[in-house]
N, C-alpha and C. Protein backbone atom coordinates (compact mmCIF):
# COMPACT_ATOMS: atom_id res chain seq x y z
N MET A 1 1.84 -15.34 3.51
CA MET A 1 2.99 -14.57 3.91
C MET A 1 2.55 -13.49 4.87
N ARG A 2 3.45 -13.10 5.72
CA ARG A 2 3.16 -12.09 6.74
C ARG A 2 3.78 -10.76 6.32
N LEU A 3 2.96 -9.70 6.39
CA LEU A 3 3.43 -8.35 6.08
C LEU A 3 3.17 -7.43 7.26
N LEU A 4 4.14 -6.61 7.56
CA LEU A 4 3.96 -5.51 8.50
C LEU A 4 3.69 -4.28 7.67
N ILE A 5 2.48 -3.76 7.75
CA ILE A 5 2.08 -2.58 6.99
C ILE A 5 2.27 -1.37 7.90
N ARG A 6 3.07 -0.42 7.45
CA ARG A 6 3.29 0.83 8.20
C ARG A 6 2.64 1.97 7.42
N TYR A 7 1.72 2.66 8.09
CA TYR A 7 1.00 3.77 7.48
C TYR A 7 1.62 5.10 7.91
N PHE A 8 1.81 5.99 6.95
CA PHE A 8 2.30 7.33 7.22
C PHE A 8 1.20 8.32 6.85
N GLN A 9 1.32 9.56 7.33
CA GLN A 9 0.27 10.55 7.10
C GLN A 9 0.00 10.75 5.63
N PRO A 10 -1.24 10.89 5.23
CA PRO A 10 -2.45 10.98 6.05
C PRO A 10 -3.12 9.62 6.30
N TYR A 11 -2.52 8.56 5.76
CA TYR A 11 -3.18 7.25 5.79
C TYR A 11 -3.31 6.68 7.20
N ASP A 12 -2.36 6.99 8.07
CA ASP A 12 -2.47 6.52 9.45
C ASP A 12 -3.72 7.10 10.12
N GLN A 13 -4.04 8.35 9.80
CA GLN A 13 -5.24 8.96 10.37
C GLN A 13 -6.51 8.37 9.75
N LEU A 14 -6.46 8.05 8.48
CA LEU A 14 -7.63 7.49 7.81
C LEU A 14 -7.98 6.10 8.34
N VAL A 15 -6.96 5.29 8.62
CA VAL A 15 -7.23 3.92 9.08
C VAL A 15 -7.20 3.81 10.60
N GLY A 16 -6.69 4.85 11.27
CA GLY A 16 -6.64 4.82 12.73
C GLY A 16 -5.54 3.94 13.29
N LEU A 17 -4.53 3.67 12.48
CA LEU A 17 -3.42 2.80 12.89
C LEU A 17 -2.11 3.36 12.35
N LYS A 18 -1.05 3.15 13.09
CA LYS A 18 0.29 3.43 12.58
C LYS A 18 0.83 2.22 11.83
N GLU A 19 0.40 1.03 12.27
CA GLU A 19 0.86 -0.20 11.62
C GLU A 19 -0.09 -1.33 11.94
N GLU A 20 -0.03 -2.37 11.11
CA GLU A 20 -0.78 -3.59 11.34
C GLU A 20 -0.07 -4.74 10.64
N VAL A 21 -0.31 -5.95 11.14
CA VAL A 21 0.26 -7.15 10.55
C VAL A 21 -0.84 -7.87 9.80
N LEU A 22 -0.57 -8.25 8.55
CA LEU A 22 -1.53 -8.97 7.73
C LEU A 22 -0.91 -10.28 7.25
N GLU A 23 -1.72 -11.30 7.17
CA GLU A 23 -1.36 -12.55 6.51
C GLU A 23 -2.05 -12.54 5.16
N ILE A 24 -1.28 -12.60 4.09
CA ILE A 24 -1.86 -12.63 2.76
C ILE A 24 -1.28 -13.82 2.00
N PRO A 25 -1.94 -14.28 0.95
CA PRO A 25 -1.44 -15.44 0.20
C PRO A 25 -0.07 -15.20 -0.42
N ASP A 26 0.76 -16.22 -0.43
CA ASP A 26 2.04 -16.16 -1.13
C ASP A 26 1.79 -15.82 -2.59
N GLY A 27 2.68 -15.07 -3.18
CA GLY A 27 2.54 -14.70 -4.59
C GLY A 27 1.65 -13.49 -4.83
N SER A 28 1.17 -12.86 -3.75
CA SER A 28 0.30 -11.70 -3.89
C SER A 28 1.07 -10.52 -4.48
N THR A 29 0.34 -9.70 -5.23
CA THR A 29 0.92 -8.51 -5.85
C THR A 29 0.52 -7.26 -5.06
N THR A 30 1.10 -6.15 -5.44
CA THR A 30 0.72 -4.87 -4.84
C THR A 30 -0.78 -4.62 -5.04
N ARG A 31 -1.29 -4.93 -6.23
CA ARG A 31 -2.72 -4.76 -6.50
C ARG A 31 -3.55 -5.59 -5.52
N ASP A 32 -3.14 -6.84 -5.28
CA ASP A 32 -3.86 -7.70 -4.32
C ASP A 32 -3.86 -7.07 -2.93
N LEU A 33 -2.69 -6.57 -2.51
CA LEU A 33 -2.60 -5.95 -1.19
C LEU A 33 -3.51 -4.74 -1.10
N LEU A 34 -3.51 -3.90 -2.11
CA LEU A 34 -4.37 -2.71 -2.08
C LEU A 34 -5.85 -3.09 -2.00
N ARG A 35 -6.24 -4.14 -2.69
CA ARG A 35 -7.64 -4.60 -2.58
C ARG A 35 -7.95 -5.03 -1.15
N ILE A 36 -7.04 -5.75 -0.53
CA ILE A 36 -7.23 -6.17 0.86
C ILE A 36 -7.33 -4.96 1.77
N LEU A 37 -6.45 -3.99 1.58
CA LEU A 37 -6.46 -2.80 2.43
C LEU A 37 -7.75 -2.00 2.27
N VAL A 38 -8.23 -1.86 1.05
CA VAL A 38 -9.48 -1.12 0.83
C VAL A 38 -10.66 -1.87 1.44
N ASP A 39 -10.65 -3.20 1.36
CA ASP A 39 -11.72 -3.99 2.01
C ASP A 39 -11.70 -3.79 3.53
N ARG A 40 -10.50 -3.77 4.12
CA ARG A 40 -10.35 -3.60 5.56
C ARG A 40 -10.60 -2.15 6.00
N HIS A 41 -10.21 -1.22 5.16
CA HIS A 41 -10.27 0.21 5.49
C HIS A 41 -10.88 0.98 4.32
N PRO A 42 -12.21 0.99 4.20
CA PRO A 42 -12.86 1.65 3.06
C PRO A 42 -12.47 3.12 2.88
N SER A 43 -12.00 3.76 3.94
CA SER A 43 -11.59 5.17 3.83
C SER A 43 -10.39 5.35 2.89
N LEU A 44 -9.69 4.28 2.56
CA LEU A 44 -8.56 4.35 1.63
C LEU A 44 -8.99 4.32 0.17
N ALA A 45 -10.23 3.96 -0.10
CA ALA A 45 -10.68 3.72 -1.47
C ALA A 45 -10.41 4.88 -2.42
N GLU A 46 -10.58 6.11 -1.97
CA GLU A 46 -10.38 7.25 -2.87
C GLU A 46 -8.90 7.48 -3.21
N TYR A 47 -8.00 6.80 -2.51
CA TYR A 47 -6.57 6.96 -2.75
C TYR A 47 -5.96 5.81 -3.55
N VAL A 48 -6.79 4.89 -3.97
CA VAL A 48 -6.30 3.69 -4.66
C VAL A 48 -6.83 3.64 -6.08
N SER A 49 -5.95 3.36 -7.02
CA SER A 49 -6.32 3.11 -8.41
C SER A 49 -5.80 1.73 -8.78
N PHE A 50 -6.68 0.88 -9.29
CA PHE A 50 -6.28 -0.47 -9.66
C PHE A 50 -5.92 -0.61 -11.13
N ASP A 51 -6.09 0.47 -11.91
CA ASP A 51 -5.95 0.34 -13.36
C ASP A 51 -4.67 0.95 -13.94
N SER A 52 -3.96 1.75 -13.17
CA SER A 52 -2.81 2.45 -13.74
C SER A 52 -1.74 2.70 -12.68
N ASP A 53 -0.51 2.28 -12.97
CA ASP A 53 0.59 2.55 -12.04
C ASP A 53 0.77 4.05 -11.84
N GLU A 54 0.66 4.80 -12.93
CA GLU A 54 0.85 6.24 -12.84
C GLU A 54 -0.20 6.87 -11.94
N ARG A 55 -1.45 6.51 -12.12
CA ARG A 55 -2.51 7.06 -11.28
C ARG A 55 -2.31 6.64 -9.82
N GLN A 56 -1.94 5.38 -9.62
CA GLN A 56 -1.74 4.90 -8.26
C GLN A 56 -0.64 5.69 -7.56
N MET A 57 0.46 5.91 -8.25
CA MET A 57 1.57 6.61 -7.61
C MET A 57 1.30 8.09 -7.39
N LEU A 58 0.30 8.62 -8.05
CA LEU A 58 -0.13 9.99 -7.78
C LEU A 58 -1.01 10.07 -6.54
N ARG A 59 -1.59 8.94 -6.15
CA ARG A 59 -2.53 8.92 -5.03
C ARG A 59 -1.92 8.35 -3.75
N MET A 60 -1.11 7.30 -3.89
CA MET A 60 -0.53 6.61 -2.75
C MET A 60 0.68 5.84 -3.26
N VAL A 61 1.74 5.86 -2.48
CA VAL A 61 2.95 5.15 -2.86
C VAL A 61 3.12 3.95 -1.93
N VAL A 62 3.41 2.80 -2.53
CA VAL A 62 3.64 1.57 -1.77
C VAL A 62 5.12 1.21 -1.95
N VAL A 63 5.81 1.03 -0.84
CA VAL A 63 7.25 0.80 -0.86
C VAL A 63 7.58 -0.48 -0.10
N GLN A 64 8.46 -1.28 -0.69
CA GLN A 64 8.99 -2.45 0.00
C GLN A 64 10.46 -2.58 -0.37
N ARG A 65 11.29 -2.79 0.62
CA ARG A 65 12.74 -2.93 0.42
C ARG A 65 13.31 -1.75 -0.37
N ASP A 66 12.89 -0.56 0.02
CA ASP A 66 13.38 0.69 -0.59
C ASP A 66 13.04 0.82 -2.07
N GLU A 67 12.04 0.12 -2.54
CA GLU A 67 11.60 0.22 -3.93
C GLU A 67 10.14 0.63 -4.01
N PHE A 68 9.85 1.56 -4.92
CA PHE A 68 8.47 1.92 -5.19
C PHE A 68 7.85 0.79 -5.98
N LEU A 69 6.72 0.28 -5.49
CA LEU A 69 6.10 -0.88 -6.13
C LEU A 69 5.07 -0.48 -7.16
N ARG A 70 5.04 -1.24 -8.25
CA ARG A 70 3.99 -1.12 -9.27
C ARG A 70 2.88 -2.10 -8.91
N LEU A 71 1.73 -1.92 -9.51
CA LEU A 71 0.57 -2.75 -9.18
C LEU A 71 0.81 -4.24 -9.38
N GLY A 72 1.56 -4.61 -10.40
CA GLY A 72 1.79 -6.02 -10.70
C GLY A 72 2.97 -6.64 -10.00
N ASP A 73 3.71 -5.86 -9.21
CA ASP A 73 4.89 -6.40 -8.52
C ASP A 73 4.49 -7.40 -7.44
N LYS A 74 5.24 -8.48 -7.37
CA LYS A 74 5.00 -9.49 -6.32
C LYS A 74 5.62 -9.01 -5.02
N LEU A 75 4.89 -9.23 -3.95
CA LEU A 75 5.36 -8.86 -2.63
C LEU A 75 6.16 -10.00 -2.02
N VAL A 76 7.03 -9.66 -1.10
CA VAL A 76 7.77 -10.65 -0.31
C VAL A 76 7.46 -10.38 1.16
N GLU A 77 7.64 -11.40 1.96
CA GLU A 77 7.36 -11.24 3.37
C GLU A 77 8.23 -10.13 3.95
N GLY A 78 7.66 -9.33 4.82
CA GLY A 78 8.42 -8.24 5.44
C GLY A 78 7.58 -6.99 5.60
N GLU A 79 8.26 -5.87 5.58
CA GLU A 79 7.64 -4.58 5.84
C GLU A 79 7.22 -3.90 4.54
N VAL A 80 6.04 -3.27 4.58
CA VAL A 80 5.52 -2.49 3.46
C VAL A 80 5.14 -1.12 4.01
N LEU A 81 5.58 -0.08 3.32
CA LEU A 81 5.28 1.28 3.73
C LEU A 81 4.19 1.85 2.82
N ILE A 82 3.23 2.52 3.41
CA ILE A 82 2.17 3.20 2.68
C ILE A 82 2.40 4.70 2.89
N LEU A 83 2.81 5.38 1.81
CA LEU A 83 3.23 6.77 1.89
C LEU A 83 2.42 7.66 0.96
N ALA A 84 2.36 8.93 1.32
CA ALA A 84 1.76 9.92 0.42
C ALA A 84 2.77 10.24 -0.67
N PRO A 85 2.30 10.49 -1.89
CA PRO A 85 3.20 10.89 -2.96
C PRO A 85 3.85 12.23 -2.59
N ILE A 86 5.09 12.37 -2.99
CA ILE A 86 5.79 13.62 -2.72
C ILE A 86 6.39 14.13 -4.02
N SER A 87 6.61 15.41 -4.06
CA SER A 87 7.29 15.97 -5.22
C SER A 87 8.29 16.98 -4.69
N GLY A 88 9.27 17.22 -5.47
CA GLY A 88 10.28 18.18 -5.05
C GLY A 88 10.64 19.10 -6.20
N GLY A 89 11.43 20.03 -5.89
CA GLY A 89 11.81 20.94 -6.94
C GLY A 89 13.06 21.67 -6.59
């Protein structure tokens, strides 16, 4: 499947790209995508947790179709946003 990955600050600066297109296997999960991204861009490693949704969402948020993705969620072809966690008050 083809994904358009869009990076927002600070991740765009870490990888040196605003966006990139990746071909990944059908049925891939968010966890699979994050492993691919860390392999391609080792500078992302400190922002990725593979063991806990809570930890992952504190470090980096992955969004597809206006939904925050959990590590085990299956991806669909299309756009994926890589965002910094935000909080409000």
